[in-house]
Amino acid sequence: MRKVLGTLFFVIAISSHAYADTPDSAGAKAAVDHFLYGASINDAQIHGAFWADDLTYTSSRGTRFGRAELMSGMQGTTPIAEDQVTTWFSAEDVELKTYGETVIVNFTLISKNTDGDVIGRHYNSGVLVFRDNRWQAVNWNATAAAN
């Protein structure tokens, strides 16, 4: 009986640990939301955590570059206070496709001014992978939405 209980306890412990470490699409969505908050307040640390070292980014202007070039624009910046933010970013029409430890995310990026008026819409698509216990973007495409 002791052997059976010991084995059962071991199996439950292993199963619950594996479940706790399993990435899910809700975590990927939360990572995107956190990133958009960081983009709104211009937080380089949040940007740095979101973009993977092996990132390929295709901008809405038709240029393609990696993480180093993307992060160079954040060098020397400090986050701005929420009451000083002039543009808030959020995601609408979010679609997540999960493939194990990879998630494809598609959404409409909404830019709003401090009055809450929509001042921009872009379609964003990204490939996120679960690494180092967090979701990171390895591929990102931004396209200006047609009016």
N, C-alpha and C. Protein backbone atom coordinates (compact mmCIF):
# COMPACT_ATOMS: atom_id res chain seq x y z
N MET A 1 0.82 -1.20 0.00
CA MET A 1 0.00 0.00 0.00
C MET A 1 0.87 1.26 0.00
N ARG A 2 1.92 1.25 0.81
CA ARG A 2 2.82 2.40 0.85
C ARG A 2 3.44 2.66 -0.51
N LYS A 3 3.80 1.60 -1.18
CA LYS A 3 4.42 1.72 -2.50
C LYS A 3 3.44 2.33 -3.50
N VAL A 4 2.18 1.89 -3.44
CA VAL A 4 1.16 2.41 -4.34
C VAL A 4 0.91 3.89 -4.05
N LEU A 5 0.77 4.26 -2.78
CA LEU A 5 0.55 5.65 -2.42
C LEU A 5 1.75 6.52 -2.81
N GLY A 6 2.95 6.00 -2.59
CA GLY A 6 4.15 6.74 -2.98
C GLY A 6 4.21 6.97 -4.48
N THR A 7 3.88 5.94 -5.25
CA THR A 7 3.87 6.07 -6.71
C THR A 7 2.79 7.05 -7.15
N LEU A 8 1.60 6.94 -6.55
CA LEU A 8 0.51 7.85 -6.88
C LEU A 8 0.88 9.30 -6.58
N PHE A 9 1.48 9.53 -5.42
CA PHE A 9 1.91 10.88 -5.05
C PHE A 9 2.94 11.41 -6.06
N PHE A 10 3.89 10.57 -6.45
CA PHE A 10 4.92 10.96 -7.41
C PHE A 10 4.29 11.35 -8.75
N VAL A 11 3.35 10.55 -9.23
CA VAL A 11 2.69 10.82 -10.51
C VAL A 11 1.91 12.13 -10.45
N ILE A 12 1.20 12.35 -9.35
CA ILE A 12 0.44 13.59 -9.19
C ILE A 12 1.38 14.79 -9.13
N ALA A 13 2.47 14.66 -8.40
CA ALA A 13 3.43 15.76 -8.30
C ALA A 13 4.03 16.09 -9.65
N ILE A 14 4.42 15.09 -10.41
CA ILE A 14 5.00 15.31 -11.74
C ILE A 14 3.95 15.94 -12.66
N SER A 15 2.73 15.43 -12.62
CA SER A 15 1.67 15.94 -13.50
C SER A 15 1.35 17.39 -13.18
N SER A 16 1.23 17.74 -11.92
CA SER A 16 0.88 19.12 -11.57
C SER A 16 2.02 20.07 -11.92
N HIS A 17 3.27 19.62 -11.78
CA HIS A 17 4.41 20.46 -12.15
C HIS A 17 4.41 20.69 -13.65
N ALA A 18 4.19 19.67 -14.43
CA ALA A 18 4.17 19.81 -15.89
C ALA A 18 3.03 20.73 -16.31
N TYR A 19 1.89 20.59 -15.66
CA TYR A 19 0.75 21.44 -16.00
C TYR A 19 1.05 22.90 -15.68
N ALA A 20 1.69 23.16 -14.55
CA ALA A 20 1.99 24.53 -14.15
C ALA A 20 2.96 25.20 -15.12
N ASP A 21 3.85 24.42 -15.73
CA ASP A 21 4.84 24.99 -16.64
C ASP A 21 4.38 25.01 -18.09
N THR A 22 3.18 24.53 -18.35
CA THR A 22 2.68 24.48 -19.72
C THR A 22 2.19 25.86 -20.15
N PRO A 23 2.73 26.39 -21.23
CA PRO A 23 2.26 27.70 -21.69
C PRO A 23 0.86 27.60 -22.27
N ASP A 24 0.12 28.69 -22.20
CA ASP A 24 -1.21 28.69 -22.80
C ASP A 24 -1.43 30.00 -23.55
N SER A 25 -2.44 30.01 -24.38
CA SER A 25 -2.69 31.20 -25.20
C SER A 25 -3.12 32.39 -24.35
N ALA A 26 -3.73 32.15 -23.20
CA ALA A 26 -4.10 33.27 -22.33
C ALA A 26 -2.85 34.00 -21.85
N GLY A 27 -1.79 33.25 -21.60
CA GLY A 27 -0.52 33.87 -21.22
C GLY A 27 0.07 34.68 -22.36
N ALA A 28 -0.08 34.19 -23.58
CA ALA A 28 0.41 34.93 -24.75
C ALA A 28 -0.37 36.22 -24.92
N LYS A 29 -1.68 36.17 -24.73
CA LYS A 29 -2.52 37.37 -24.82
C LYS A 29 -2.12 38.37 -23.75
N ALA A 30 -1.87 37.88 -22.54
CA ALA A 30 -1.44 38.76 -21.46
C ALA A 30 -0.09 39.40 -21.78
N ALA A 31 0.81 38.66 -22.43
CA ALA A 31 2.11 39.20 -22.82
C ALA A 31 1.94 40.33 -23.84
N VAL A 32 1.04 40.14 -24.79
CA VAL A 32 0.79 41.19 -25.79
C VAL A 32 0.19 42.42 -25.10
N ASP A 33 -0.78 42.22 -24.23
CA ASP A 33 -1.39 43.35 -23.51
C ASP A 33 -0.35 44.11 -22.69
N HIS A 34 0.53 43.36 -22.00
CA HIS A 34 1.57 43.99 -21.19
C HIS A 34 2.54 44.77 -22.09
N PHE A 35 2.89 44.17 -23.23
CA PHE A 35 3.76 44.86 -24.18
C PHE A 35 3.13 46.17 -24.66
N LEU A 36 1.84 46.14 -24.99
CA LEU A 36 1.16 47.35 -25.48
C LEU A 36 1.10 48.43 -24.40
N TYR A 37 0.95 48.01 -23.16
CA TYR A 37 1.03 48.97 -22.06
C TYR A 37 2.43 49.58 -22.03
N GLY A 38 3.45 48.73 -22.14
CA GLY A 38 4.83 49.20 -22.15
C GLY A 38 5.12 50.12 -23.32
N ALA A 39 4.53 49.83 -24.47
CA ALA A 39 4.70 50.71 -25.64
C ALA A 39 4.05 52.06 -25.38
N SER A 40 2.92 52.06 -24.68
CA SER A 40 2.22 53.31 -24.37
C SER A 40 3.05 54.20 -23.46
N ILE A 41 3.72 53.60 -22.49
CA ILE A 41 4.52 54.40 -21.54
C ILE A 41 5.99 54.46 -21.94
N ASN A 42 6.32 53.89 -23.10
CA ASN A 42 7.68 53.93 -23.64
C ASN A 42 8.69 53.26 -22.71
N ASP A 43 8.36 52.06 -22.25
CA ASP A 43 9.20 51.33 -21.30
C ASP A 43 10.14 50.37 -22.03
N ALA A 44 11.43 50.69 -22.06
CA ALA A 44 12.42 49.88 -22.77
C ALA A 44 12.55 48.48 -22.16
N GLN A 45 12.39 48.36 -20.87
CA GLN A 45 12.51 47.05 -20.21
C GLN A 45 11.39 46.11 -20.67
N ILE A 46 10.18 46.62 -20.78
CA ILE A 46 9.07 45.80 -21.25
C ILE A 46 9.28 45.42 -22.71
N HIS A 47 9.74 46.37 -23.53
CA HIS A 47 10.08 46.07 -24.93
C HIS A 47 11.12 44.96 -24.99
N GLY A 48 12.19 45.12 -24.22
CA GLY A 48 13.29 44.16 -24.25
C GLY A 48 12.88 42.76 -23.85
N ALA A 49 11.95 42.65 -22.92
CA ALA A 49 11.48 41.33 -22.50
C ALA A 49 10.58 40.69 -23.54
N PHE A 50 9.86 41.50 -24.30
CA PHE A 50 8.90 40.97 -25.27
C PHE A 50 9.56 40.51 -26.57
N TRP A 51 10.52 41.27 -27.07
CA TRP A 51 11.16 40.93 -28.35
C TRP A 51 12.28 39.93 -28.14
N ALA A 52 12.22 38.80 -28.85
CA ALA A 52 13.26 37.77 -28.77
C ALA A 52 14.53 38.25 -29.47
N ASP A 53 15.67 37.69 -29.06
CA ASP A 53 16.94 38.04 -29.68
C ASP A 53 16.94 37.76 -31.18
N ASP A 54 16.22 36.72 -31.59
CA ASP A 54 16.20 36.33 -33.01
C ASP A 54 14.98 36.89 -33.76
N LEU A 55 14.48 38.03 -33.30
CA LEU A 55 13.31 38.68 -33.90
C LEU A 55 13.55 39.10 -35.35
N THR A 56 12.52 38.91 -36.17
CA THR A 56 12.43 39.54 -37.49
C THR A 56 11.18 40.40 -37.46
N TYR A 57 11.36 41.71 -37.67
CA TYR A 57 10.26 42.66 -37.59
C TYR A 57 10.07 43.30 -38.96
N THR A 58 8.85 43.25 -39.48
CA THR A 58 8.52 43.92 -40.73
C THR A 58 7.57 45.06 -40.39
N SER A 59 8.02 46.27 -40.67
CA SER A 59 7.26 47.46 -40.28
C SER A 59 6.17 47.78 -41.29
N SER A 60 5.26 48.64 -40.88
CA SER A 60 4.20 49.08 -41.79
C SER A 60 4.74 49.97 -42.90
N ARG A 61 5.98 50.40 -42.77
CA ARG A 61 6.63 51.20 -43.82
C ARG A 61 7.36 50.33 -44.84
N GLY A 62 7.34 49.02 -44.60
CA GLY A 62 7.96 48.11 -45.56
C GLY A 62 9.42 47.82 -45.30
N THR A 63 9.91 48.14 -44.11
CA THR A 63 11.30 47.83 -43.78
C THR A 63 11.35 46.62 -42.86
N ARG A 64 12.44 45.89 -42.94
CA ARG A 64 12.60 44.68 -42.13
C ARG A 64 13.90 44.80 -41.35
N PHE A 65 13.83 44.46 -40.08
CA PHE A 65 15.01 44.57 -39.23
C PHE A 65 14.86 43.64 -38.03
N GLY A 66 15.89 43.60 -37.20
CA GLY A 66 15.91 42.72 -36.04
C GLY A 66 15.75 43.46 -34.73
N ARG A 67 15.94 42.71 -33.66
CA ARG A 67 15.74 43.24 -32.32
C ARG A 67 16.71 44.39 -32.01
N ALA A 68 17.97 44.24 -32.40
CA ALA A 68 18.96 45.26 -32.06
C ALA A 68 18.57 46.62 -32.64
N GLU A 69 18.15 46.65 -33.89
CA GLU A 69 17.75 47.91 -34.51
C GLU A 69 16.48 48.45 -33.85
N LEU A 70 15.55 47.57 -33.56
CA LEU A 70 14.31 47.98 -32.91
C LEU A 70 14.60 48.59 -31.54
N MET A 71 15.45 47.93 -30.77
CA MET A 71 15.75 48.39 -29.42
C MET A 71 16.65 49.63 -29.41
N SER A 72 17.38 49.88 -30.49
CA SER A 72 18.26 51.06 -30.52
C SER A 72 17.45 52.35 -30.37
N GLY A 73 16.23 52.34 -30.83
CA GLY A 73 15.36 53.50 -30.67
C GLY A 73 14.90 53.72 -29.24
N MET A 74 15.09 52.72 -28.40
CA MET A 74 14.67 52.82 -27.00
C MET A 74 15.84 53.19 -26.08
N GLN A 75 17.05 53.19 -26.64
CA GLN A 75 18.24 53.42 -25.83
C GLN A 75 18.20 54.78 -25.14
N GLY A 76 18.46 54.78 -23.85
CA GLY A 76 18.51 56.02 -23.09
C GLY A 76 17.15 56.58 -22.71
N THR A 77 16.08 55.85 -23.02
CA THR A 77 14.74 56.35 -22.66
C THR A 77 14.34 55.85 -21.28
N THR A 78 13.45 56.57 -20.67
CA THR A 78 12.87 56.13 -19.41
C THR A 78 11.36 56.13 -19.58
N PRO A 79 10.68 55.25 -18.86
CA PRO A 79 9.22 55.22 -18.97
C PRO A 79 8.62 56.57 -18.57
N ILE A 80 7.53 56.90 -19.24
CA ILE A 80 6.85 58.15 -18.89
C ILE A 80 5.68 57.84 -17.96
N ALA A 81 5.34 58.80 -17.15
CA ALA A 81 4.23 58.63 -16.21
C ALA A 81 2.92 58.50 -16.99
N GLU A 82 2.01 57.70 -16.45
CA GLU A 82 0.73 57.48 -17.13
C GLU A 82 0.01 58.79 -17.44
N ASP A 83 0.10 59.77 -16.54
CA ASP A 83 -0.59 61.03 -16.79
C ASP A 83 0.10 61.89 -17.86
N GLN A 84 1.26 61.45 -18.33
CA GLN A 84 1.98 62.15 -19.40
C GLN A 84 1.86 61.45 -20.75
N VAL A 85 1.21 60.29 -20.77
CA VAL A 85 1.05 59.52 -22.01
C VAL A 85 0.14 60.29 -22.96
N THR A 86 0.54 60.37 -24.23
CA THR A 86 -0.28 61.06 -25.23
C THR A 86 -1.00 60.08 -26.16
N THR A 87 -0.49 58.86 -26.24
CA THR A 87 -1.12 57.83 -27.08
C THR A 87 -1.13 56.51 -26.32
N TRP A 88 -2.32 55.92 -26.22
CA TRP A 88 -2.48 54.61 -25.59
C TRP A 88 -2.72 53.57 -26.68
N PHE A 89 -2.05 52.43 -26.56
CA PHE A 89 -2.19 51.34 -27.52
C PHE A 89 -2.96 50.19 -26.89
N SER A 90 -3.82 49.57 -27.69
CA SER A 90 -4.56 48.39 -27.23
C SER A 90 -4.82 47.48 -28.41
N ALA A 91 -5.25 46.26 -28.10
CA ALA A 91 -5.52 45.26 -29.13
C ALA A 91 -7.01 44.96 -29.20
N GLU A 92 -7.54 44.93 -30.42
CA GLU A 92 -8.93 44.53 -30.65
C GLU A 92 -8.94 43.39 -31.65
N ASP A 93 -10.04 42.65 -31.66
CA ASP A 93 -10.23 41.54 -32.60
C ASP A 93 -9.05 40.57 -32.55
N VAL A 94 -8.67 40.19 -31.34
CA VAL A 94 -7.51 39.32 -31.14
C VAL A 94 -7.85 37.89 -31.53
N GLU A 95 -6.99 37.30 -32.33
CA GLU A 95 -7.11 35.89 -32.73
C GLU A 95 -5.81 35.19 -32.35
N LEU A 96 -5.93 34.09 -31.61
CA LEU A 96 -4.77 33.32 -31.19
C LEU A 96 -4.85 31.91 -31.75
N LYS A 97 -3.76 31.45 -32.31
CA LYS A 97 -3.66 30.08 -32.81
C LYS A 97 -2.48 29.43 -32.10
N THR A 98 -2.77 28.42 -31.29
CA THR A 98 -1.75 27.80 -30.46
C THR A 98 -1.26 26.51 -31.09
N TYR A 99 0.07 26.38 -31.14
CA TYR A 99 0.73 25.18 -31.65
C TYR A 99 1.82 24.80 -30.65
N GLY A 100 1.41 24.13 -29.58
CA GLY A 100 2.38 23.75 -28.55
C GLY A 100 2.91 24.98 -27.84
N GLU A 101 4.22 25.18 -27.92
CA GLU A 101 4.86 26.33 -27.27
C GLU A 101 5.02 27.50 -28.23
N THR A 102 4.18 27.53 -29.26
CA THR A 102 4.18 28.62 -30.24
C THR A 102 2.75 29.12 -30.41
N VAL A 103 2.59 30.42 -30.45
CA VAL A 103 1.28 31.03 -30.68
C VAL A 103 1.41 32.05 -31.80
N ILE A 104 0.49 31.99 -32.73
CA ILE A 104 0.36 33.03 -33.74
C ILE A 104 -0.73 33.96 -33.26
N VAL A 105 -0.42 35.24 -33.22
CA VAL A 105 -1.38 36.23 -32.75
C VAL A 105 -1.66 37.22 -33.88
N ASN A 106 -2.92 37.48 -34.11
CA ASN A 106 -3.38 38.48 -35.08
C ASN A 106 -4.32 39.41 -34.34
N PHE A 107 -4.15 40.71 -34.54
CA PHE A 107 -5.05 41.65 -33.88
C PHE A 107 -5.00 43.00 -34.60
N THR A 108 -5.97 43.83 -34.27
CA THR A 108 -5.97 45.20 -34.74
C THR A 108 -5.41 46.07 -33.62
N LEU A 109 -4.30 46.72 -33.91
CA LEU A 109 -3.69 47.65 -32.96
C LEU A 109 -4.46 48.97 -33.04
N ILE A 110 -4.98 49.40 -31.92
CA ILE A 110 -5.73 50.64 -31.84
C ILE A 110 -4.90 51.67 -31.09
N SER A 111 -4.73 52.83 -31.68
CA SER A 111 -4.05 53.95 -31.03
C SER A 111 -5.10 54.99 -30.68
N LYS A 112 -5.12 55.39 -29.42
CA LYS A 112 -6.08 56.40 -28.97
C LYS A 112 -5.35 57.55 -28.29
N ASN A 113 -5.87 58.76 -28.51
CA ASN A 113 -5.31 59.91 -27.81
C ASN A 113 -5.90 59.96 -26.40
N THR A 114 -5.50 60.95 -25.63
CA THR A 114 -5.95 61.03 -24.24
C THR A 114 -7.43 61.32 -24.09
N ASP A 115 -8.07 61.80 -25.16
CA ASP A 115 -9.52 62.01 -25.14
C ASP A 115 -10.27 60.72 -25.47
N GLY A 116 -9.53 59.66 -25.81
CA GLY A 116 -10.16 58.40 -26.16
C GLY A 116 -10.52 58.27 -27.63
N ASP A 117 -10.12 59.25 -28.44
CA ASP A 117 -10.39 59.19 -29.88
C ASP A 117 -9.40 58.26 -30.56
N VAL A 118 -9.90 57.43 -31.47
CA VAL A 118 -9.02 56.55 -32.24
C VAL A 118 -8.26 57.40 -33.24
N ILE A 119 -6.93 57.31 -33.19
CA ILE A 119 -6.08 58.09 -34.09
C ILE A 119 -5.27 57.19 -35.02
N GLY A 120 -5.40 55.88 -34.86
CA GLY A 120 -4.68 54.98 -35.75
C GLY A 120 -5.13 53.54 -35.59
N ARG A 121 -5.06 52.80 -36.70
CA ARG A 121 -5.37 51.37 -36.71
C ARG A 121 -4.32 50.67 -37.56
N HIS A 122 -3.76 49.61 -37.01
CA HIS A 122 -2.80 48.79 -37.75
C HIS A 122 -3.15 47.33 -37.51
N TYR A 123 -2.95 46.53 -38.53
CA TYR A 123 -3.07 45.09 -38.37
C TYR A 123 -1.70 44.56 -37.97
N ASN A 124 -1.69 43.79 -36.90
CA ASN A 124 -0.45 43.20 -36.42
C ASN A 124 -0.58 41.69 -36.39
N SER A 125 0.46 41.02 -36.81
CA SER A 125 0.55 39.56 -36.74
C SER A 125 1.91 39.23 -36.15
N GLY A 126 1.90 38.30 -35.22
CA GLY A 126 3.16 37.92 -34.60
C GLY A 126 3.23 36.44 -34.32
N VAL A 127 4.44 35.96 -34.23
CA VAL A 127 4.69 34.58 -33.81
C VAL A 127 5.41 34.68 -32.47
N LEU A 128 4.78 34.11 -31.44
CA LEU A 128 5.35 34.13 -30.10
C LEU A 128 5.76 32.71 -29.71
N VAL A 129 6.90 32.60 -29.06
CA VAL A 129 7.36 31.31 -28.54
C VAL A 129 7.52 31.45 -27.03
N PHE A 130 7.33 30.32 -26.35
CA PHE A 130 7.46 30.31 -24.90
C PHE A 130 8.88 29.87 -24.56
N ARG A 131 9.68 30.83 -24.07
CA ARG A 131 11.08 30.59 -23.72
C ARG A 131 11.37 31.24 -22.38
N ASP A 132 12.25 30.63 -21.63
CA ASP A 132 12.67 31.22 -20.35
C ASP A 132 11.47 31.63 -19.51
N ASN A 133 10.43 30.79 -19.56
CA ASN A 133 9.22 30.98 -18.76
C ASN A 133 8.46 32.26 -19.11
N ARG A 134 8.54 32.68 -20.39
CA ARG A 134 7.78 33.86 -20.83
C ARG A 134 7.54 33.75 -22.34
N TRP A 135 6.56 34.50 -22.81
CA TRP A 135 6.26 34.58 -24.24
C TRP A 135 7.10 35.69 -24.85
N GLN A 136 7.74 35.37 -26.00
CA GLN A 136 8.53 36.36 -26.72
C GLN A 136 8.19 36.30 -28.20
N ALA A 137 8.22 37.47 -28.84
CA ALA A 137 7.94 37.56 -30.27
C ALA A 137 9.22 37.27 -31.05
N VAL A 138 9.14 36.30 -31.97
CA VAL A 138 10.26 35.99 -32.86
C VAL A 138 10.01 36.52 -34.27
N ASN A 139 8.76 36.83 -34.57
CA ASN A 139 8.42 37.38 -35.88
C ASN A 139 7.24 38.32 -35.68
N TRP A 140 7.28 39.49 -36.35
CA TRP A 140 6.23 40.48 -36.18
C TRP A 140 6.03 41.24 -37.48
N ASN A 141 4.78 41.44 -37.84
CA ASN A 141 4.42 42.20 -39.03
C ASN A 141 3.38 43.24 -38.66
N ALA A 142 3.60 44.47 -39.07
CA ALA A 142 2.65 45.55 -38.83
C ALA A 142 2.25 46.14 -40.18
N THR A 143 0.95 46.28 -40.38
CA THR A 143 0.43 46.81 -41.64
C THR A 143 -0.61 47.87 -41.34
N ALA A 144 -0.49 49.02 -41.96
CA ALA A 144 -1.50 50.07 -41.77
C ALA A 144 -2.84 49.56 -42.31
N ALA A 145 -3.88 49.71 -41.51
CA ALA A 145 -5.21 49.27 -41.93
C ALA A 145 -5.79 50.27 -42.93
N ALA A 146 -6.47 49.75 -43.94
CA ALA A 146 -7.13 50.62 -44.93
C ALA A 146 -8.26 51.37 -44.25
N ASN A 147 -8.52 52.56 -44.71
CA ASN A 147 -9.61 53.37 -44.13
C ASN A 147 -10.95 52.82 -44.48
